[in-house]
Amino acid sequence: MMNILNEPSLDNAALAALKEATEEMFPEIIAVYLEDTPKRLALLQMAFDKNDIKAIQEEAHCLKGSSSNIGVLKLSKIFGEIERLSKNGTITNQNEYIQHAFSEFGHIQKSLIDFT
């Protein structure tokens, strides 16, 4: 986990490429991500609370993909690690992962809005 925390939060080159490719749709893409991610984080938290490994894997996978698609590197890697550990049945310190995910999401929100 410590290696992940040293990663950059955003891939600015990927964001710039996405912005150029999607043009006027870019603000909407970012808005959907910013609206959807807290809901999925809440579902991930509930899955952790219920120790529902399948739901943990599904939510982590969705969050990993959506974060990766728009260049949100650190969050994508956090969710990838949650997915990997849950598949192996070795996930412990769930609260640590969730706290880092919520914290990182809070950190990148303004940066994403500013990028639009």
PDB file of N, CA and C in Angstrom:
ATOM      1  N   MET A   1       0.827  -1.201   0.000  1.00  0.00           N
ATOM      2  CA  MET A   1       0.000   0.000   0.000  1.00  0.00           C
ATOM      3  C   MET A   1       0.868   1.260   0.000  1.00  0.00           C
ATOM      4  N   MET A   2       1.979   1.203   0.686  1.00  0.00           N
ATOM      5  CA  MET A   2       2.824   2.399   0.772  1.00  0.00           C
ATOM      6  C   MET A   2       3.323   2.834  -0.611  1.00  0.00           C
ATOM      7  N   ASN A   3       3.645   1.873  -1.487  1.00  0.00           N
ATOM      8  CA  ASN A   3       4.087   2.229  -2.835  1.00  0.00           C
ATOM      9  C   ASN A   3       3.002   2.981  -3.592  1.00  0.00           C
ATOM     10  N   ILE A   4       1.767   2.546  -3.408  1.00  0.00           N
ATOM     11  CA  ILE A   4       0.640   3.198  -4.078  1.00  0.00           C
ATOM     12  C   ILE A   4       0.507   4.642  -3.610  1.00  0.00           C
ATOM     13  N   LEU A   5       0.686   4.863  -2.327  1.00  0.00           N
ATOM     14  CA  LEU A   5       0.505   6.203  -1.775  1.00  0.00           C
ATOM     15  C   LEU A   5       1.538   7.188  -2.302  1.00  0.00           C
ATOM     16  N   ASN A   6       2.648   6.690  -2.835  1.00  0.00           N
ATOM     17  CA  ASN A   6       3.671   7.558  -3.406  1.00  0.00           C
ATOM     18  C   ASN A   6       3.415   7.878  -4.879  1.00  0.00           C
ATOM     19  N   GLU A   7       2.398   7.256  -5.452  1.00  0.00           N
ATOM     20  CA  GLU A   7       2.051   7.491  -6.857  1.00  0.00           C
ATOM     21  C   GLU A   7       1.449   8.890  -7.032  1.00  0.00           C
ATOM     22  N   PRO A   8       1.587   9.468  -8.232  1.00  0.00           N
ATOM     23  CA  PRO A   8       0.888  10.733  -8.483  1.00  0.00           C
ATOM     24  C   PRO A   8      -0.622  10.501  -8.494  1.00  0.00           C
ATOM     25  N   SER A   9      -1.358  11.501  -8.080  1.00  0.00           N
ATOM     26  CA  SER A   9      -2.814  11.376  -8.028  1.00  0.00           C
ATOM     27  C   SER A   9      -3.427  11.311  -9.415  1.00  0.00           C
ATOM     28  N   LEU A  10      -2.949  12.161 -10.301  1.00  0.00           N
ATOM     29  CA  LEU A  10      -3.539  12.268 -11.641  1.00  0.00           C
ATOM     30  C   LEU A  10      -2.481  12.101 -12.716  1.00  0.00           C
ATOM     31  N   ASP A  11      -2.900  11.558 -13.837  1.00  0.00           N
ATOM     32  CA  ASP A  11      -2.074  11.492 -15.035  1.00  0.00           C
ATOM     33  C   ASP A  11      -2.526  12.652 -15.917  1.00  0.00           C
ATOM     34  N   ASN A  12      -1.834  13.770 -15.789  1.00  0.00           N
ATOM     35  CA  ASN A  12      -2.244  14.980 -16.507  1.00  0.00           C
ATOM     36  C   ASN A  12      -2.207  14.800 -18.020  1.00  0.00           C
ATOM     37  N   ALA A  13      -1.271  13.995 -18.518  1.00  0.00           N
ATOM     38  CA  ALA A  13      -1.204  13.753 -19.964  1.00  0.00           C
ATOM     39  C   ALA A  13      -2.441  12.981 -20.430  1.00  0.00           C
ATOM     40  N   ALA A  14      -2.865  11.997 -19.646  1.00  0.00           N
ATOM     41  CA  ALA A  14      -4.069  11.228 -20.001  1.00  0.00           C
ATOM     42  C   ALA A  14      -5.306  12.118 -19.945  1.00  0.00           C
ATOM     43  N   LEU A  15      -5.371  12.971 -18.935  1.00  0.00           N
ATOM     44  CA  LEU A  15      -6.503  13.900 -18.831  1.00  0.00           C
ATOM     45  C   LEU A  15      -6.532  14.854 -20.024  1.00  0.00           C
ATOM     46  N   ALA A  16      -5.375  15.375 -20.392  1.00  0.00           N
ATOM     47  CA  ALA A  16      -5.306  16.296 -21.531  1.00  0.00           C
ATOM     48  C   ALA A  16      -5.708  15.594 -22.826  1.00  0.00           C
ATOM     49  N   ALA A  17      -5.260  14.353 -22.999  1.00  0.00           N
ATOM     50  CA  ALA A  17      -5.625  13.593 -24.205  1.00  0.00           C
ATOM     51  C   ALA A  17      -7.121  13.312 -24.238  1.00  0.00           C
ATOM     52  N   LEU A  18      -7.685  12.963 -23.086  1.00  0.00           N
ATOM     53  CA  LEU A  18      -9.127  12.715 -23.010  1.00  0.00           C
ATOM     54  C   LEU A  18      -9.906  13.991 -23.307  1.00  0.00           C
ATOM     55  N   LYS A  19      -9.430  15.096 -22.759  1.00  0.00           N
ATOM     56  CA  LYS A  19     -10.099  16.385 -22.993  1.00  0.00           C
ATOM     57  C   LYS A  19     -10.075  16.737 -24.475  1.00  0.00           C
ATOM     58  N   GLU A  20      -8.939  16.517 -25.110  1.00  0.00           N
ATOM     59  CA  GLU A  20      -8.823  16.815 -26.540  1.00  0.00           C
ATOM     60  C   GLU A  20      -9.709  15.882 -27.367  1.00  0.00           C
ATOM     61  N   ALA A  21      -9.747  14.619 -27.000  1.00  0.00           N
ATOM     62  CA  ALA A  21     -10.513  13.631 -27.768  1.00  0.00           C
ATOM     63  C   ALA A  21     -12.022  13.805 -27.607  1.00  0.00           C
ATOM     64  N   THR A  22     -12.449  14.223 -26.425  1.00  0.00           N
ATOM     65  CA  THR A  22     -13.889  14.304 -26.161  1.00  0.00           C
ATOM     66  C   THR A  22     -14.444  15.711 -26.300  1.00  0.00           C
ATOM     67  N   GLU A  23     -13.570  16.688 -26.388  1.00  0.00           N
ATOM     68  CA  GLU A  23     -13.923  18.090 -26.569  1.00  0.00           C
ATOM     69  C   GLU A  23     -14.990  18.559 -25.589  1.00  0.00           C
ATOM     70  N   GLU A  24     -16.161  18.948 -26.103  1.00  0.00           N
ATOM     71  CA  GLU A  24     -17.182  19.543 -25.230  1.00  0.00           C
ATOM     72  C   GLU A  24     -17.816  18.543 -24.269  1.00  0.00           C
ATOM     73  N   MET A  25     -17.624  17.254 -24.499  1.00  0.00           N
ATOM     74  CA  MET A  25     -18.183  16.245 -23.585  1.00  0.00           C
ATOM     75  C   MET A  25     -17.317  16.039 -22.339  1.00  0.00           C
ATOM     76  N   PHE A  26     -16.090  16.555 -22.360  1.00  0.00           N
ATOM     77  CA  PHE A  26     -15.162  16.328 -21.254  1.00  0.00           C
ATOM     78  C   PHE A  26     -15.723  16.770 -19.904  1.00  0.00           C
ATOM     79  N   PRO A  27     -16.291  17.983 -19.782  1.00  0.00           N
ATOM     80  CA  PRO A  27     -16.840  18.370 -18.475  1.00  0.00           C
ATOM     81  C   PRO A  27     -17.927  17.412 -17.982  1.00  0.00           C
ATOM     82  N   GLU A  28     -18.726  16.892 -18.911  1.00  0.00           N
ATOM     83  CA  GLU A  28     -19.776  15.948 -18.525  1.00  0.00           C
ATOM     84  C   GLU A  28     -19.174  14.623 -18.043  1.00  0.00           C
ATOM     85  N   ILE A  29     -18.128  14.171 -18.709  1.00  0.00           N
ATOM     86  CA  ILE A  29     -17.452  12.932 -18.296  1.00  0.00           C
ATOM     87  C   ILE A  29     -16.919  13.084 -16.874  1.00  0.00           C
ATOM     88  N   ILE A  30     -16.287  14.210 -16.608  1.00  0.00           N
ATOM     89  CA  ILE A  30     -15.745  14.460 -15.265  1.00  0.00           C
ATOM     90  C   ILE A  30     -16.887  14.567 -14.258  1.00  0.00           C
ATOM     91  N   ALA A  31     -17.960  15.257 -14.620  1.00  0.00           N
ATOM     92  CA  ALA A  31     -19.107  15.408 -13.712  1.00  0.00           C
ATOM     93  C   ALA A  31     -19.714  14.055 -13.359  1.00  0.00           C
ATOM     94  N   VAL A  32     -19.854  13.181 -14.347  1.00  0.00           N
ATOM     95  CA  VAL A  32     -20.411  11.845 -14.088  1.00  0.00           C
ATOM     96  C   VAL A  32     -19.487  11.077 -13.149  1.00  0.00           C
ATOM     97  N   TYR A  33     -18.191  11.152 -13.388  1.00  0.00           N
ATOM     98  CA  TYR A  33     -17.231  10.469 -12.510  1.00  0.00           C
ATOM     99  C   TYR A  33     -17.343  11.003 -11.076  1.00  0.00           C
ATOM    100  N   LEU A  34     -17.396  12.318 -10.945  1.00  0.00           N
ATOM    101  CA  LEU A  34     -17.467  12.927  -9.609  1.00  0.00           C
ATOM    102  C   LEU A  34     -18.789  12.633  -8.909  1.00  0.00           C
ATOM    103  N   GLU A  35     -19.839  12.410  -9.667  1.00  0.00           N
ATOM    104  CA  GLU A  35     -21.143  12.079  -9.092  1.00  0.00           C
ATOM    105  C   GLU A  35     -21.245  10.588  -8.758  1.00  0.00           C
ATOM    106  N   ASP A  36     -20.717   9.753  -9.629  1.00  0.00           N
ATOM    107  CA  ASP A  36     -20.855   8.301  -9.479  1.00  0.00           C
ATOM    108  C   ASP A  36     -19.901   7.715  -8.436  1.00  0.00           C
ATOM    109  N   THR A  37     -18.704   8.240  -8.355  1.00  0.00           N
ATOM    110  CA  THR A  37     -17.687   7.649  -7.477  1.00  0.00           C
ATOM    111  C   THR A  37     -18.095   7.625  -6.010  1.00  0.00           C
ATOM    112  N   PRO A  38     -18.652   8.689  -5.434  1.00  0.00           N
ATOM    113  CA  PRO A  38     -19.057   8.599  -4.022  1.00  0.00           C
ATOM    114  C   PRO A  38     -20.113   7.518  -3.773  1.00  0.00           C
ATOM    115  N   LYS A  39     -21.009   7.333  -4.740  1.00  0.00           N
ATOM    116  CA  LYS A  39     -22.031   6.289  -4.600  1.00  0.00           C
ATOM    117  C   LYS A  39     -21.378   4.913  -4.586  1.00  0.00           C
ATOM    118  N   ARG A  40     -20.436   4.711  -5.486  1.00  0.00           N
ATOM    119  CA  ARG A  40     -19.746   3.418  -5.554  1.00  0.00           C
ATOM    120  C   ARG A  40     -18.838   3.210  -4.337  1.00  0.00           C
ATOM    121  N   LEU A  41     -18.242   4.283  -3.841  1.00  0.00           N
ATOM    122  CA  LEU A  41     -17.445   4.172  -2.612  1.00  0.00           C
ATOM    123  C   LEU A  41     -18.325   3.735  -1.442  1.00  0.00           C
ATOM    124  N   ALA A  42     -19.531   4.271  -1.380  1.00  0.00           N
ATOM    125  CA  ALA A  42     -20.467   3.880  -0.317  1.00  0.00           C
ATOM    126  C   ALA A  42     -20.844   2.408  -0.457  1.00  0.00           C
ATOM    127  N   LEU A  43     -21.062   1.948  -1.691  1.00  0.00           N
ATOM    128  CA  LEU A  43     -21.367   0.534  -1.919  1.00  0.00           C
ATOM    129  C   LEU A  43     -20.177  -0.348  -1.535  1.00  0.00           C
ATOM    130  N   LEU A  44     -18.975   0.122  -1.828  1.00  0.00           N
ATOM    131  CA  LEU A  44     -17.775  -0.623  -1.445  1.00  0.00           C
ATOM    132  C   LEU A  44     -17.663  -0.697   0.075  1.00  0.00           C
ATOM    133  N   GLN A  45     -17.935   0.409   0.744  1.00  0.00           N
ATOM    134  CA  GLN A  45     -17.907   0.421   2.211  1.00  0.00           C
ATOM    135  C   GLN A  45     -18.927  -0.567   2.774  1.00  0.00           C
ATOM    136  N   MET A  46     -20.135  -0.587   2.209  1.00  0.00           N
ATOM    137  CA  MET A  46     -21.161  -1.534   2.673  1.00  0.00           C
ATOM    138  C   MET A  46     -20.726  -2.974   2.432  1.00  0.00           C
ATOM    139  N   ALA A  47     -20.091  -3.228   1.301  1.00  0.00           N
ATOM    140  CA  ALA A  47     -19.609  -4.582   1.012  1.00  0.00           C
ATOM    141  C   ALA A  47     -18.547  -4.999   2.023  1.00  0.00           C
ATOM    142  N   PHE A  48     -17.657  -4.066   2.366  1.00  0.00           N
ATOM    143  CA  PHE A  48     -16.661  -4.354   3.405  1.00  0.00           C
ATOM    144  C   PHE A  48     -17.346  -4.643   4.735  1.00  0.00           C
ATOM    145  N   ASP A  49     -18.329  -3.813   5.081  1.00  0.00           N
ATOM    146  CA  ASP A  49     -19.033  -3.978   6.362  1.00  0.00           C
ATOM    147  C   ASP A  49     -19.715  -5.337   6.457  1.00  0.00           C
ATOM    148  N   LYS A  50     -20.201  -5.833   5.311  1.00  0.00           N
ATOM    149  CA  LYS A  50     -20.896  -7.129   5.279  1.00  0.00           C
ATOM    150  C   LYS A  50     -19.936  -8.281   4.984  1.00  0.00           C
ATOM    151  N   ASN A  51     -18.674  -7.953   4.747  1.00  0.00           N
ATOM    152  CA  ASN A  51     -17.669  -8.946   4.355  1.00  0.00           C
ATOM    153  C   ASN A  51     -18.127  -9.721   3.112  1.00  0.00           C
ATOM    154  N   ASP A  52     -18.734  -8.993   2.177  1.00  0.00           N
ATOM    155  CA  ASP A  52     -19.237  -9.562   0.927  1.00  0.00           C
ATOM    156  C   ASP A  52     -18.127  -9.480  -0.126  1.00  0.00           C
ATOM    157  N   ILE A  53     -17.334 -10.533  -0.201  1.00  0.00           N
ATOM    158  CA  ILE A  53     -16.153 -10.540  -1.060  1.00  0.00           C
ATOM    159  C   ILE A  53     -16.510 -10.301  -2.525  1.00  0.00           C
ATOM    160  N   LYS A  54     -17.577 -10.927  -2.995  1.00  0.00           N
ATOM    161  CA  LYS A  54     -17.981 -10.752  -4.400  1.00  0.00           C
ATOM    162  C   LYS A  54     -18.323  -9.287  -4.684  1.00  0.00           C
ATOM    163  N   ALA A  55     -19.081  -8.654  -3.803  1.00  0.00           N
ATOM    164  CA  ALA A  55     -19.442  -7.241  -3.988  1.00  0.00           C
ATOM    165  C   ALA A  55     -18.207  -6.348  -3.887  1.00  0.00           C
ATOM    166  N   ILE A  56     -17.285  -6.685  -2.994  1.00  0.00           N
ATOM    167  CA  ILE A  56     -16.036  -5.915  -2.881  1.00  0.00           C
ATOM    168  C   ILE A  56     -15.298  -5.963  -4.215  1.00  0.00           C
ATOM    169  N   GLN A  57     -15.168  -7.166  -4.769  1.00  0.00           N
ATOM    170  CA  GLN A  57     -14.473  -7.324  -6.051  1.00  0.00           C
ATOM    171  C   GLN A  57     -15.160  -6.531  -7.160  1.00  0.00           C
ATOM    172  N   GLU A  58     -16.481  -6.624  -7.226  1.00  0.00           N
ATOM    173  CA  GLU A  58     -17.224  -5.942  -8.292  1.00  0.00           C
ATOM    174  C   GLU A  58     -17.090  -4.424  -8.193  1.00  0.00           C
ATOM    175  N   GLU A  59     -17.285  -3.890  -7.000  1.00  0.00           N
ATOM    176  CA  GLU A  59     -17.195  -2.432  -6.841  1.00  0.00           C
ATOM    177  C   GLU A  59     -15.771  -1.946  -7.061  1.00  0.00           C
ATOM    178  N   ALA A  60     -14.802  -2.675  -6.516  1.00  0.00           N
ATOM    179  CA  ALA A  60     -13.403  -2.278  -6.701  1.00  0.00           C
ATOM    180  C   ALA A  60     -13.037  -2.305  -8.185  1.00  0.00           C
ATOM    181  N   HIS A  61     -13.511  -3.315  -8.896  1.00  0.00           N
ATOM    182  CA  HIS A  61     -13.226  -3.425 -10.327  1.00  0.00           C
ATOM    183  C   HIS A  61     -13.829  -2.247 -11.101  1.00  0.00           C
ATOM    184  N   CYS A  62     -15.081  -1.926 -10.822  1.00  0.00           N
ATOM    185  CA  CYS A  62     -15.739  -0.786 -11.491  1.00  0.00           C
ATOM    186  C   CYS A  62     -15.016   0.521 -11.189  1.00  0.00           C
ATOM    187  N   LEU A  63     -14.688   0.726  -9.924  1.00  0.00           N
ATOM    188  CA  LEU A  63     -14.010   1.957  -9.522  1.00  0.00           C
ATOM    189  C   LEU A  63     -12.609   2.046 -10.124  1.00  0.00           C
ATOM    190  N   LYS A  64     -11.924   0.920 -10.178  1.00  0.00           N
ATOM    191  CA  LYS A  64     -10.587   0.880 -10.785  1.00  0.00           C
ATOM    192  C   LYS A  64     -10.678   1.302 -12.249  1.00  0.00           C
ATOM    193  N   GLY A  65     -11.633   0.733 -12.970  1.00  0.00           N
ATOM    194  CA  GLY A  65     -11.774   1.038 -14.391  1.00  0.00           C
ATOM    195  C   GLY A  65     -12.163   2.474 -14.665  1.00  0.00           C
ATOM    196  N   SER A  66     -13.158   2.966 -13.946  1.00  0.00           N
ATOM    197  CA  SER A  66     -13.604   4.343 -14.196  1.00  0.00           C
ATOM    198  C   SER A  66     -12.507   5.340 -13.835  1.00  0.00           C
ATOM    199  N   SER A  67     -11.763   5.061 -12.781  1.00  0.00           N
ATOM    200  CA  SER A  67     -10.663   5.953 -12.391  1.00  0.00           C
ATOM    201  C   SER A  67      -9.544   5.912 -13.424  1.00  0.00           C
ATOM    202  N   SER A  68      -9.208   4.731 -13.868  1.00  0.00           N
ATOM    203  CA  SER A  68      -8.148   4.570 -14.865  1.00  0.00           C
ATOM    204  C   SER A  68      -8.515   5.251 -16.181  1.00  0.00           C
ATOM    205  N   ASN A  69      -9.777   5.142 -16.570  1.00  0.00           N
ATOM    206  CA  ASN A  69     -10.228   5.705 -17.847  1.00  0.00           C
ATOM    207  C   ASN A  69     -10.022   7.204 -17.950  1.00  0.00           C
ATOM    208  N   ILE A  70     -10.047   7.896 -16.823  1.00  0.00           N
ATOM    209  CA  ILE A  70      -9.881   9.351 -16.896  1.00  0.00           C
ATOM    210  C   ILE A  70      -8.554   9.822 -16.303  1.00  0.00           C
ATOM    211  N   GLY A  71      -7.662   8.894 -15.985  1.00  0.00           N
ATOM    212  CA  GLY A  71      -6.328   9.288 -15.531  1.00  0.00           C
ATOM    213  C   GLY A  71      -6.205   9.553 -14.046  1.00  0.00           C
ATOM    214  N   VAL A  72      -7.100   8.987 -13.255  1.00  0.00           N
ATOM    215  CA  VAL A  72      -7.015   9.134 -11.793  1.00  0.00           C
ATOM    216  C   VAL A  72      -6.196   7.940 -11.281  1.00  0.00           C
ATOM    217  N   LEU A  73      -4.872   8.104 -11.350  1.00  0.00           N
ATOM    218  CA  LEU A  73      -3.940   6.999 -11.149  1.00  0.00           C
ATOM    219  C   LEU A  73      -3.969   6.376  -9.764  1.00  0.00           C
ATOM    220  N   LYS A  74      -3.795   7.201  -8.758  1.00  0.00           N
ATOM    221  CA  LYS A  74      -3.652   6.649  -7.412  1.00  0.00           C
ATOM    222  C   LYS A  74      -4.910   5.905  -6.989  1.00  0.00           C
ATOM    223  N   LEU A  75      -6.063   6.479  -7.239  1.00  0.00           N
ATOM    224  CA  LEU A  75      -7.311   5.797  -6.883  1.00  0.00           C
ATOM    225  C   LEU A  75      -7.456   4.497  -7.659  1.00  0.00           C
ATOM    226  N   SER A  76      -7.124   4.514  -8.930  1.00  0.00           N
ATOM    227  CA  SER A  76      -7.210   3.298  -9.728  1.00  0.00           C
ATOM    228  C   SER A  76      -6.341   2.198  -9.123  1.00  0.00           C
ATOM    229  N   LYS A  77      -5.161   2.564  -8.674  1.00  0.00           N
ATOM    230  CA  LYS A  77      -4.259   1.571  -8.076  1.00  0.00           C
ATOM    231  C   LYS A  77      -4.758   1.099  -6.715  1.00  0.00           C
ATOM    232  N   ILE A  78      -5.339   1.993  -5.925  1.00  0.00           N
ATOM    233  CA  ILE A  78      -5.919   1.584  -4.636  1.00  0.00           C
ATOM    234  C   ILE A  78      -7.030   0.569  -4.885  1.00  0.00           C
ATOM    235  N   PHE A  79      -7.920   0.875  -5.835  1.00  0.00           N
ATOM    236  CA  PHE A  79      -9.023  -0.044  -6.128  1.00  0.00           C
ATOM    237  C   PHE A  79      -8.513  -1.348  -6.739  1.00  0.00           C
ATOM    238  N   GLY A  80      -7.471  -1.269  -7.539  1.00  0.00           N
ATOM    239  CA  GLY A  80      -6.869  -2.477  -8.094  1.00  0.00           C
ATOM    240  C   GLY A  80      -6.305  -3.373  -7.006  1.00  0.00           C
ATOM    241  N   GLU A  81      -5.697  -2.769  -6.011  1.00  0.00           N
ATOM    242  CA  GLU A  81      -5.148  -3.540  -4.892  1.00  0.00           C
ATOM    243  C   GLU A  81      -6.271  -4.161  -4.065  1.00  0.00           C
ATOM    244  N   ILE A  82      -7.341  -3.413  -3.837  1.00  0.00           N
ATOM    245  CA  ILE A  82      -8.499  -3.971  -3.120  1.00  0.00           C
ATOM    246  C   ILE A  82      -9.047  -5.169  -3.896  1.00  0.00           C
ATOM    247  N   GLU A  83      -9.191  -5.013  -5.206  1.00  0.00           N
ATOM    248  CA  GLU A  83      -9.707  -6.108  -6.033  1.00  0.00           C
ATOM    249  C   GLU A  83      -8.787  -7.327  -5.955  1.00  0.00           C
ATOM    250  N   ARG A  84      -7.493  -7.108  -6.096  1.00  0.00           N
ATOM    251  CA  ARG A  84      -6.525  -8.210  -6.072  1.00  0.00           C
ATOM    252  C   ARG A  84      -6.553  -8.944  -4.738  1.00  0.00           C
ATOM    253  N   LEU A  85      -6.517  -8.187  -3.648  1.00  0.00           N
ATOM    254  CA  LEU A  85      -6.494  -8.807  -2.323  1.00  0.00           C
ATOM    255  C   LEU A  85      -7.794  -9.540  -2.022  1.00  0.00           C
ATOM    256  N   SER A  86      -8.916  -8.980  -2.470  1.00  0.00           N
ATOM    257  CA  SER A  86     -10.192  -9.652  -2.201  1.00  0.00           C
ATOM    258  C   SER A  86     -10.298 -10.946  -3.008  1.00  0.00           C
ATOM    259  N   LYS A  87      -9.753 -10.966  -4.219  1.00  0.00           N
ATOM    260  CA  LYS A  87      -9.756 -12.198  -5.021  1.00  0.00           C
ATOM    261  C   LYS A  87      -8.906 -13.280  -4.361  1.00  0.00           C
ATOM    262  N   ASN A  88      -7.809 -12.854  -3.732  1.00  0.00           N
ATOM    263  CA  ASN A  88      -6.923 -13.798  -3.050  1.00  0.00           C
ATOM    264  C   ASN A  88      -7.450 -14.194  -1.681  1.00  0.00           C
ATOM    265  N   GLY A  89      -8.467 -13.483  -1.213  1.00  0.00           N
ATOM    266  CA  GLY A  89      -8.990 -13.744   0.126  1.00  0.00           C
ATOM    267  C   GLY A  89      -8.063 -13.270   1.223  1.00  0.00           C
ATOM    268  N   THR A  90      -7.189 -12.339   0.888  1.00  0.00           N
ATOM    269  CA  THR A  90      -6.195 -11.883   1.865  1.00  0.00           C
ATOM    270  C   THR A  90      -6.374 -10.431   2.269  1.00  0.00           C
ATOM    271  N   ILE A  91      -7.527  -9.864   1.999  1.00  0.00           N
ATOM    272  CA  ILE A  91      -7.693  -8.452   2.332  1.00  0.00           C
ATOM    273  C   ILE A  91      -7.919  -8.290   3.828  1.00  0.00           C
ATOM    274  N   THR A  92      -7.045  -7.530   4.406  1.00  0.00           N
ATOM    275  CA  THR A  92      -7.174  -7.141   5.804  1.00  0.00           C
ATOM    276  C   THR A  92      -7.043  -5.630   5.814  1.00  0.00           C
ATOM    277  N   ASN A  93      -7.236  -5.026   6.928  1.00  0.00           N
ATOM    278  CA  ASN A  93      -7.124  -3.562   7.010  1.00  0.00           C
ATOM    279  C   ASN A  93      -8.054  -2.863   6.027  1.00  0.00           C
ATOM    280  N   GLN A  94      -9.283  -3.410   5.908  1.00  0.00           N
ATOM    281  CA  GLN A  94     -10.240  -2.821   4.980  1.00  0.00           C
ATOM    282  C   GLN A  94     -10.425  -1.334   5.244  1.00  0.00           C
ATOM    283  N   ASN A  95     -10.501  -0.978   6.508  1.00  0.00           N
ATOM    284  CA  ASN A  95     -10.725   0.430   6.845  1.00  0.00           C
ATOM    285  C   ASN A  95      -9.601   1.313   6.325  1.00  0.00           C
ATOM    286  N   GLU A  96      -8.380   0.813   6.366  1.00  0.00           N
ATOM    287  CA  GLU A  96      -7.247   1.585   5.854  1.00  0.00           C
ATOM    288  C   GLU A  96      -7.424   1.874   4.362  1.00  0.00           C
ATOM    289  N   TYR A  97      -7.806   0.856   3.603  1.00  0.00           N
ATOM    290  CA  TYR A  97      -7.992   1.035   2.159  1.00  0.00           C
ATOM    291  C   TYR A  97      -9.138   1.997   1.860  1.00  0.00           C
ATOM    292  N   ILE A  98     -10.252   1.813   2.556  1.00  0.00           N
ATOM    293  CA  ILE A  98     -11.405   2.691   2.341  1.00  0.00           C
ATOM    294  C   ILE A  98     -11.062   4.127   2.726  1.00  0.00           C
ATOM    295  N   GLN A  99     -10.382   4.311   3.849  1.00  0.00           N
ATOM    296  CA  GLN A  99     -10.007   5.664   4.272  1.00  0.00           C
ATOM    297  C   GLN A  99      -9.109   6.327   3.235  1.00  0.00           C
ATOM    298  N   HIS A 100      -8.142   5.575   2.714  1.00  0.00           N
ATOM    299  CA  HIS A 100      -7.264   6.138   1.682  1.00  0.00           C
ATOM    300  C   HIS A 100      -8.056   6.481   0.423  1.00  0.00           C
ATOM    301  N   ALA A 101      -9.010   5.631   0.066  1.00  0.00           N
ATOM    302  CA  ALA A 101      -9.817   5.888  -1.128  1.00  0.00           C
ATOM    303  C   ALA A 101     -10.662   7.150  -0.951  1.00  0.00           C
ATOM    304  N   PHE A 102     -11.350   7.268   0.186  1.00  0.00           N
ATOM    305  CA  PHE A 102     -12.158   8.467   0.434  1.00  0.00           C
ATOM    306  C   PHE A 102     -11.278   9.714   0.474  1.00  0.00           C
ATOM    307  N   SER A 103     -10.142   9.614   1.135  1.00  0.00           N
ATOM    308  CA  SER A 103      -9.234  10.750   1.247  1.00  0.00           C
ATOM    309  C   SER A 103      -8.715  11.174  -0.124  1.00  0.00           C
ATOM    310  N   GLU A 104      -8.295  10.210  -0.910  1.00  0.00           N
ATOM    311  CA  GLU A 104      -7.761  10.519  -2.238  1.00  0.00           C
ATOM    312  C   GLU A 104      -8.848  11.095  -3.140  1.00  0.00           C
ATOM    313  N   PHE A 105     -10.059  10.566  -3.046  1.00  0.00           N
ATOM    314  CA  PHE A 105     -11.145  11.116  -3.852  1.00  0.00           C
ATOM    315  C   PHE A 105     -11.384  12.579  -3.476  1.00  0.00           C
ATOM    316  N   GLY A 106     -11.397  12.868  -2.189  1.00  0.00           N
ATOM    317  CA  GLY A 106     -11.551  14.253  -1.749  1.00  0.00           C
ATOM    318  C   GLY A 106     -10.440  15.141  -2.290  1.00  0.00           C
ATOM    319  N   HIS A 107      -9.248  14.594  -2.345  1.00  0.00           N
ATOM    320  CA  HIS A 107      -8.082  15.342  -2.812  1.00  0.00           C
ATOM    321  C   HIS A 107      -8.164  15.676  -4.304  1.00  0.00           C
ATOM    322  N   ILE A 108      -8.657  14.748  -5.114  1.00  0.00           N
ATOM    323  CA  ILE A 108      -8.615  14.956  -6.570  1.00  0.00           C
ATOM    324  C   ILE A 108      -9.830  15.695  -7.123  1.00  0.00           C
ATOM    325  N   GLN A 109     -10.882  15.834  -6.343  1.00  0.00           N
ATOM    326  CA  GLN A 109     -12.104  16.461  -6.866  1.00  0.00           C
ATOM    327  C   GLN A 109     -11.848  17.848  -7.443  1.00  0.00           C
ATOM    328  N   LYS A 110     -11.227  18.708  -6.670  1.00  0.00           N
ATOM    329  CA  LYS A 110     -10.994  20.077  -7.128  1.00  0.00           C
ATOM    330  C   LYS A 110     -10.069  20.088  -8.346  1.00  0.00           C
ATOM    331  N   SER A 111      -9.062  19.240  -8.326  1.00  0.00           N
ATOM    332  CA  SER A 111      -8.140  19.181  -9.468  1.00  0.00           C
ATOM    333  C   SER A 111      -8.868  18.797 -10.748  1.00  0.00           C
ATOM    334  N   LEU A 112      -9.784  17.837 -10.648  1.00  0.00           N
ATOM    335  CA  LEU A 112     -10.543  17.435 -11.836  1.00  0.00           C
ATOM    336  C   LEU A 112     -11.455  18.556 -12.314  1.00  0.00           C
ATOM    337  N   ILE A 113     -12.110  19.218 -11.382  1.00  0.00           N
ATOM    338  CA  ILE A 113     -12.989  20.336 -11.754  1.00  0.00           C
ATOM    339  C   ILE A 113     -12.168  21.442 -12.408  1.00  0.00           C
ATOM    340  N   ASP A 114     -11.010  21.748 -11.829  1.00  0.00           N
ATOM    341  CA  ASP A 114     -10.145  22.785 -12.390  1.00  0.00           C
ATOM    342  C   ASP A 114      -9.654  22.415 -13.789  1.00  0.00           C
ATOM    343  N   PHE A 115      -9.497  21.121 -14.048  1.00  0.00           N
ATOM    344  CA  PHE A 115      -9.005  20.665 -15.344  1.00  0.00           C
ATOM    345  C   PHE A 115     -10.030  20.898 -16.445  1.00  0.00           C
ATOM    346  N   THR A 116     -11.316  20.945 -16.068  1.00  0.00           N
ATOM    347  CA  THR A 116     -12.350  21.161 -17.076  1.00  0.00           C
ATOM    348  C   THR A 116     -12.346  22.611 -17.439  1.00  0.00           C
TER     349      THR A 116
END
